[in-house]
Amino acid sequence: MSEKRCSFVAVVGQPNAGKSTLVNTVVGEKVSIVSHKIQTTRMQVRGIAAIGRNSQVVFIDTPGFCQSRTPLESVIAGNFKSSLNGVDLALVLIDASAKYDESSLSILQLLQQKKINTVVVINKVDIAKKENILRVASALAGHTFLKKVFMISALTGDGIEDLKEFLAEDAPIGPWMYAPGQATDMTTTLRLAEITREKIFERMEKEIPYSIYVETELFKETEKKARIYQSIVVMKDSQKGIILGRNGLMIKEIKEASIADMRNLLGKKIELRLFVKVRTKWATSRIHLQNAGIID
């Protein structure tokens, strides 16, 4: 019988490269929220995939690397850097459909300096222009330390099987770190909070999505029903009004969309209550950052 294998893989790249979509696709269920807006992922999200009979791959979905212009962005940048500690492999995701510039590959220098085994995955090849793909491939030619380069579409699944096969074979021999069938190490209360935060991201513009967090304050379940109370924490009174919407229509829409995903996650009837609270300095409060799951 073949020996068990297990690896920790940091999925890194610029904001909106498709990191969360890739992790969700390989894991086989939604463990990381997805949005077209940048910096949706704030923390290290671990998605766990069993590939074949013997390999377990633990993906660390990292925040997109960016400049630290606010206290919250500084914390997020710290989460990105710490996600590289102790990994077996870094998977650098590049959006082939975006306008290419050299900063897209800036992370490679850091990974080479840290002597981290690295593969590059060129994503969104289904919608990218051919010249964009060739430009990225040409730029990668000089990076001889790379173990491999893949071309995929995380959304359609093209190229995913080849990537999974490589990850399974590349994983070091060793015991599995998580139970078979476990998709993430994230607590249920945090997953529920992330569902609601995703629905806010989908419906809000400008600074609102980046000024809020969601905390699950109560979670009780029976065999057939789950009762969930959540607080949406904002920084300003004006933001509270926007979240609520005229005659409460916006928060009702957020609630209904959240319930649908929560029902899929838990497989039972959902009773959800949402409250909006103003905490002007939550992004600099250790307690609030912990409640948001952004820091331990």
Protein backbone atom coordinates (compact mmCIF):
# COMPACT_ATOMS: atom_id res chain seq x y z
CA MET A 1 0.00 0.00 0.00
CA SER A 2 1.29 3.47 -0.91
CA GLU A 3 2.42 5.70 1.94
CA LYS A 4 0.32 8.64 3.09
CA ARG A 5 1.38 12.11 1.95
CA CYS A 6 0.50 15.55 3.29
CA SER A 7 1.53 19.04 2.24
CA PHE A 8 0.79 22.63 3.17
CA VAL A 9 0.45 24.88 0.12
CA ALA A 10 0.25 28.68 0.37
CA VAL A 11 -1.87 30.12 -2.44
CA VAL A 12 -0.53 33.61 -3.09
CA GLY A 13 -1.00 36.31 -5.68
CA GLN A 14 -2.31 39.77 -6.32
CA PRO A 15 -5.83 40.71 -5.19
CA ASN A 16 -8.57 39.25 -7.39
CA ALA A 17 -6.32 36.70 -9.09
CA GLY A 18 -8.81 33.94 -8.28
CA LYS A 19 -7.14 32.40 -5.22
CA SER A 20 -10.34 31.65 -3.31
CA THR A 21 -12.05 30.26 -6.42
CA LEU A 22 -9.12 27.90 -6.98
CA VAL A 23 -9.14 26.67 -3.37
CA ASN A 24 -12.91 26.11 -3.44
CA THR A 25 -12.66 24.25 -6.76
CA VAL A 26 -9.95 21.83 -5.62
CA VAL A 27 -11.45 21.28 -2.16
CA GLY A 28 -14.84 20.60 -3.73
CA GLU A 29 -16.88 22.94 -1.57
CA LYS A 30 -17.00 26.61 -0.67
CA VAL A 31 -14.59 27.24 2.21
CA SER A 32 -13.46 30.74 1.21
CA ILE A 33 -15.77 33.57 0.23
CA VAL A 34 -15.53 34.96 -3.30
CA SER A 35 -16.07 38.48 -4.61
CA HIS A 36 -15.03 40.49 -7.65
CA LYS A 37 -13.76 43.16 -5.24
CA ILE A 38 -10.13 43.12 -4.14
CA GLN A 39 -9.04 42.19 -0.61
CA THR A 40 -12.06 40.02 0.14
CA THR A 41 -9.85 37.54 2.01
CA ARG A 42 -8.50 39.04 5.24
CA MET A 43 -7.20 36.01 7.11
CA GLN A 44 -5.51 32.71 6.38
CA VAL A 45 -8.26 30.35 5.26
CA ARG A 46 -7.33 26.68 5.16
CA GLY A 47 -9.04 24.45 2.64
CA ILE A 48 -8.32 20.74 2.90
CA ALA A 49 -8.41 18.44 -0.12
CA ALA A 50 -7.92 14.69 -0.32
CA ILE A 51 -6.41 13.96 -3.73
CA GLY A 52 -6.53 10.32 -4.63
CA ARG A 53 -6.34 7.77 -1.80
CA ASN A 54 -3.08 8.84 -0.22
CA SER A 55 -2.49 12.60 -0.51
CA GLN A 56 -3.92 15.36 1.63
CA VAL A 57 -3.21 18.92 0.50
CA VAL A 58 -3.88 21.77 2.92
CA PHE A 59 -4.33 25.01 0.97
CA ILE A 60 -3.71 28.28 2.79
CA ASP A 61 -5.78 30.88 0.96
CA THR A 62 -3.88 34.08 1.69
CA PRO A 63 -4.90 37.73 1.44
CA GLY A 64 -3.72 39.34 -1.79
CA PHE A 65 -0.46 41.20 -1.30
CA CYS A 66 -0.87 44.97 -1.39
CA GLN A 67 0.39 48.23 0.08
CA SER A 68 -0.36 48.82 3.76
CA ARG A 69 -2.11 52.19 3.82
CA THR A 70 -4.41 51.66 6.80
CA PRO A 71 -4.07 49.85 10.16
CA LEU A 72 -6.36 47.07 8.91
CA GLU A 73 -4.31 46.63 5.72
CA SER A 74 -1.17 46.37 7.86
CA VAL A 75 -2.72 43.50 9.81
CA ILE A 76 -3.82 41.81 6.57
CA ALA A 77 -0.31 42.22 5.13
CA GLY A 78 1.07 40.57 8.27
CA ASN A 79 -1.31 37.64 7.73
CA PHE A 80 0.02 37.28 4.19
CA LYS A 81 3.67 37.18 5.30
CA SER A 82 3.03 34.73 8.14
CA SER A 83 1.15 32.41 5.77
CA LEU A 84 4.48 31.53 4.13
CA ASN A 85 6.01 30.18 7.33
CA GLY A 86 6.54 26.44 7.27
CA VAL A 87 4.80 25.70 3.98
CA ASP A 88 5.93 22.91 1.69
CA LEU A 89 5.01 24.77 -1.48
CA ALA A 90 3.96 28.22 -2.65
CA LEU A 91 1.44 28.33 -5.47
CA VAL A 92 1.59 31.73 -7.15
CA LEU A 93 -1.59 32.57 -9.02
CA ILE A 94 -1.44 35.08 -11.88
CA ASP A 95 -4.52 36.53 -13.57
CA ALA A 96 -3.81 36.21 -17.29
CA SER A 97 -6.84 38.35 -18.15
CA ALA A 98 -5.56 41.41 -16.25
CA LYS A 99 -3.21 44.02 -17.61
CA TYR A 100 0.27 42.63 -17.08
CA ASP A 101 3.02 44.51 -15.28
CA GLU A 102 6.19 43.39 -13.54
CA SER A 103 4.64 43.76 -10.07
CA SER A 104 2.60 40.66 -10.87
CA LEU A 105 5.79 38.65 -10.44
CA SER A 106 7.28 40.64 -7.55
CA ILE A 107 6.38 37.91 -5.07
CA LEU A 108 8.67 35.46 -6.88
CA GLN A 109 11.78 37.27 -5.69
CA LEU A 110 10.64 36.98 -2.07
CA LEU A 111 9.88 33.28 -2.46
CA GLN A 112 13.26 32.64 -4.06
CA GLN A 113 15.01 34.47 -1.21
CA LYS A 114 13.10 32.37 1.33
CA LYS A 115 14.00 29.22 -0.64
CA ILE A 116 10.37 28.15 -0.80
CA ASN A 117 9.46 25.55 -3.42
CA THR A 118 7.28 27.40 -5.90
CA VAL A 119 4.93 26.72 -8.80
CA VAL A 120 3.17 29.34 -10.89
CA VAL A 121 -0.43 28.90 -12.00
CA ILE A 122 -1.60 31.17 -14.81
CA ASN A 123 -5.34 31.55 -14.21
CA LYS A 124 -8.33 32.71 -16.28
CA VAL A 125 -6.90 31.40 -19.55
CA ASP A 126 -10.49 30.86 -20.70
CA ILE A 127 -11.06 34.63 -20.95
CA ALA A 128 -7.52 35.99 -21.37
CA LYS A 129 -6.14 37.26 -24.65
CA LYS A 130 -3.52 35.00 -26.20
CA GLU A 131 -0.93 37.78 -26.21
CA ASN A 132 -1.43 38.29 -22.46
CA ILE A 133 -0.80 34.61 -21.76
CA LEU A 134 2.32 34.60 -23.93
CA ARG A 135 3.61 37.78 -22.24
CA VAL A 136 3.30 36.19 -18.79
CA ALA A 137 4.84 32.91 -19.96
CA SER A 138 7.76 34.80 -21.49
CA ALA A 139 8.36 36.75 -18.29
CA LEU A 140 8.45 33.51 -16.31
CA ALA A 141 11.10 31.94 -18.54
CA GLY A 142 13.93 33.58 -16.60
CA HIS A 143 12.78 32.22 -13.24
CA THR A 144 14.57 28.90 -13.37
CA PHE A 145 13.92 28.10 -9.68
CA LEU A 146 10.23 27.39 -10.40
CA LYS A 147 9.25 23.74 -10.14
CA LYS A 148 6.50 24.01 -12.73
CA VAL A 149 4.09 26.34 -14.54
CA PHE A 150 0.42 25.48 -15.10
CA MET A 151 -2.30 27.14 -17.15
CA ILE A 152 -5.82 26.79 -15.79
CA SER A 153 -9.26 28.25 -15.39
CA ALA A 154 -10.27 27.91 -11.74
CA LEU A 155 -13.82 28.85 -12.69
CA THR A 156 -14.39 26.27 -15.45
CA GLY A 157 -12.01 23.63 -14.08
CA ASP A 158 -9.78 23.50 -17.17
CA GLY A 159 -6.30 22.30 -16.22
CA ILE A 160 -7.28 21.56 -12.61
CA GLU A 161 -6.77 17.79 -12.85
CA ASP A 162 -3.16 18.19 -14.01
CA LEU A 163 -2.51 20.59 -11.13
CA LYS A 164 -4.09 18.20 -8.61
CA GLU A 165 -2.02 15.29 -9.91
CA PHE A 166 1.17 17.29 -9.46
CA LEU A 167 0.22 18.41 -5.94
CA ALA A 168 -0.58 14.84 -4.91
CA GLU A 169 2.76 13.50 -6.17
CA ASP A 170 4.76 16.47 -4.82
CA ALA A 171 3.39 16.18 -1.28
CA PRO A 172 5.96 14.93 1.26
CA ILE A 173 5.46 11.51 2.81
CA GLY A 174 3.83 11.90 6.20
CA PRO A 175 0.59 11.47 8.14
CA TRP A 176 -2.54 13.42 7.30
CA MET A 177 -3.00 16.41 9.59
CA TYR A 178 -6.79 16.48 9.33
CA ALA A 179 -9.54 13.88 9.39
CA PRO A 180 -10.69 12.44 6.04
CA GLY A 181 -13.62 14.43 4.71
CA GLN A 182 -12.77 17.61 6.66
CA ALA A 183 -12.87 20.56 4.25
CA THR A 184 -11.54 23.36 6.48
CA ASP A 185 -10.27 24.09 9.97
CA MET A 186 -12.44 27.20 10.19
CA THR A 187 -15.07 27.10 12.95
CA THR A 188 -18.72 26.94 11.95
CA THR A 189 -19.43 30.31 13.59
CA LEU A 190 -16.70 31.97 11.53
CA ARG A 191 -17.90 30.29 8.31
CA LEU A 192 -21.39 31.62 9.00
CA ALA A 193 -20.01 35.12 9.59
CA GLU A 194 -18.05 34.95 6.35
CA ILE A 195 -21.21 33.99 4.44
CA THR A 196 -22.93 37.18 5.57
CA ARG A 197 -19.81 39.28 4.90
CA GLU A 198 -19.75 37.92 1.36
CA LYS A 199 -23.36 39.03 0.81
CA ILE A 200 -22.46 42.52 2.00
CA PHE A 201 -19.45 42.59 -0.34
CA GLU A 202 -21.68 41.65 -3.25
CA ARG A 203 -24.10 44.51 -2.59
CA MET A 204 -21.97 47.40 -1.31
CA GLU A 205 -19.58 49.75 -3.06
CA LYS A 206 -16.71 52.09 -2.21
CA GLU A 207 -15.47 51.92 1.39
CA ILE A 208 -18.40 50.07 2.96
CA PRO A 209 -17.19 46.46 2.38
CA TYR A 210 -13.79 47.32 3.85
CA SER A 211 -15.26 49.08 6.90
CA ILE A 212 -17.27 46.17 8.29
CA TYR A 213 -16.90 42.80 9.86
CA VAL A 214 -19.48 40.23 10.88
CA GLU A 215 -19.51 38.37 14.18
CA THR A 216 -21.67 35.35 14.97
CA GLU A 217 -22.79 36.06 18.53
CA LEU A 218 -25.15 33.10 18.93
CA PHE A 219 -25.28 29.75 17.18
CA LYS A 220 -27.56 27.03 18.46
CA GLU A 221 -28.75 24.09 16.45
CA THR A 222 -31.01 21.12 16.73
CA GLU A 223 -31.41 18.25 14.31
CA LYS A 224 -33.73 20.25 12.08
CA LYS A 225 -33.04 23.95 12.81
CA ALA A 226 -30.23 26.42 13.49
CA ARG A 227 -30.70 29.72 15.31
CA ILE A 228 -28.07 32.32 14.43
CA TYR A 229 -27.62 35.87 15.73
CA GLN A 230 -25.01 38.02 13.99
CA SER A 231 -23.72 41.55 14.38
CA ILE A 232 -22.59 43.57 11.39
CA VAL A 233 -20.03 46.00 12.84
CA VAL A 234 -19.44 49.27 10.97
CA MET A 235 -17.27 52.34 11.59
CA LYS A 236 -19.78 55.15 11.05
CA ASP A 237 -23.45 55.93 11.72
CA SER A 238 -23.88 56.73 8.02
CA GLN A 239 -22.66 53.23 7.14
CA LYS A 240 -25.25 51.72 9.46
CA GLY A 241 -27.98 53.49 7.49
CA ILE A 242 -26.61 52.17 4.20
CA ILE A 243 -26.47 48.59 5.51
CA LEU A 244 -30.06 48.84 6.75
CA GLY A 245 -31.29 50.47 3.53
CA ARG A 246 -34.50 52.36 2.96
CA ASN A 247 -37.25 50.79 5.06
CA GLY A 248 -34.83 48.00 5.97
CA LEU A 249 -34.81 46.57 2.45
CA MET A 250 -31.03 46.18 2.12
CA ILE A 251 -30.51 44.23 5.33
CA LYS A 252 -33.52 42.09 4.42
CA GLU A 253 -31.87 41.26 1.08
CA ILE A 254 -28.56 40.45 2.82
CA LYS A 255 -30.39 38.25 5.31
CA GLU A 256 -32.28 36.27 2.67
CA ALA A 257 -29.15 35.65 0.60
CA SER A 258 -27.20 34.60 3.71
CA ILE A 259 -29.93 32.18 4.81
CA ALA A 260 -29.78 30.41 1.45
CA ASP A 261 -26.04 29.72 1.78
CA MET A 262 -26.32 28.83 5.47
CA ARG A 263 -29.02 26.32 4.64
CA ASN A 264 -26.70 24.73 2.06
CA LEU A 265 -23.86 24.59 4.60
CA LEU A 266 -25.81 23.17 7.53
CA GLY A 267 -28.55 21.27 5.70
CA LYS A 268 -31.36 22.51 7.91
CA LYS A 269 -33.85 25.34 8.49
CA ILE A 270 -32.21 28.65 9.42
CA GLU A 271 -33.46 31.34 11.78
CA LEU A 272 -31.17 34.34 11.26
CA ARG A 273 -31.23 37.68 13.04
CA LEU A 274 -28.92 40.49 11.96
CA PHE A 275 -28.00 43.52 14.05
CA VAL A 276 -25.92 46.52 12.95
CA LYS A 277 -23.54 48.10 15.47
CA VAL A 278 -21.25 51.13 15.20
CA ARG A 279 -17.71 50.71 16.53
CA THR A 280 -15.63 53.58 15.16
CA LYS A 281 -12.20 52.13 15.95
CA TRP A 282 -12.81 48.40 15.54
CA ALA A 283 -9.98 48.04 13.00
CA THR A 284 -7.40 49.04 15.65
CA SER A 285 -8.94 47.00 18.49
CA ARG A 286 -7.34 43.64 19.19
CA ILE A 287 -10.59 42.26 20.59
CA HIS A 288 -12.58 43.22 17.50
CA LEU A 289 -9.87 41.88 15.17
CA GLN A 290 -10.02 38.60 17.07
CA ASN A 291 -13.83 38.56 16.89
CA ALA A 292 -13.54 39.09 13.14
CA GLY A 293 -11.14 36.15 12.83
CA ILE A 294 -8.47 38.41 11.35
CA ILE A 295 -5.96 37.69 14.13
CA ASP A 296 -5.69 34.84 16.65
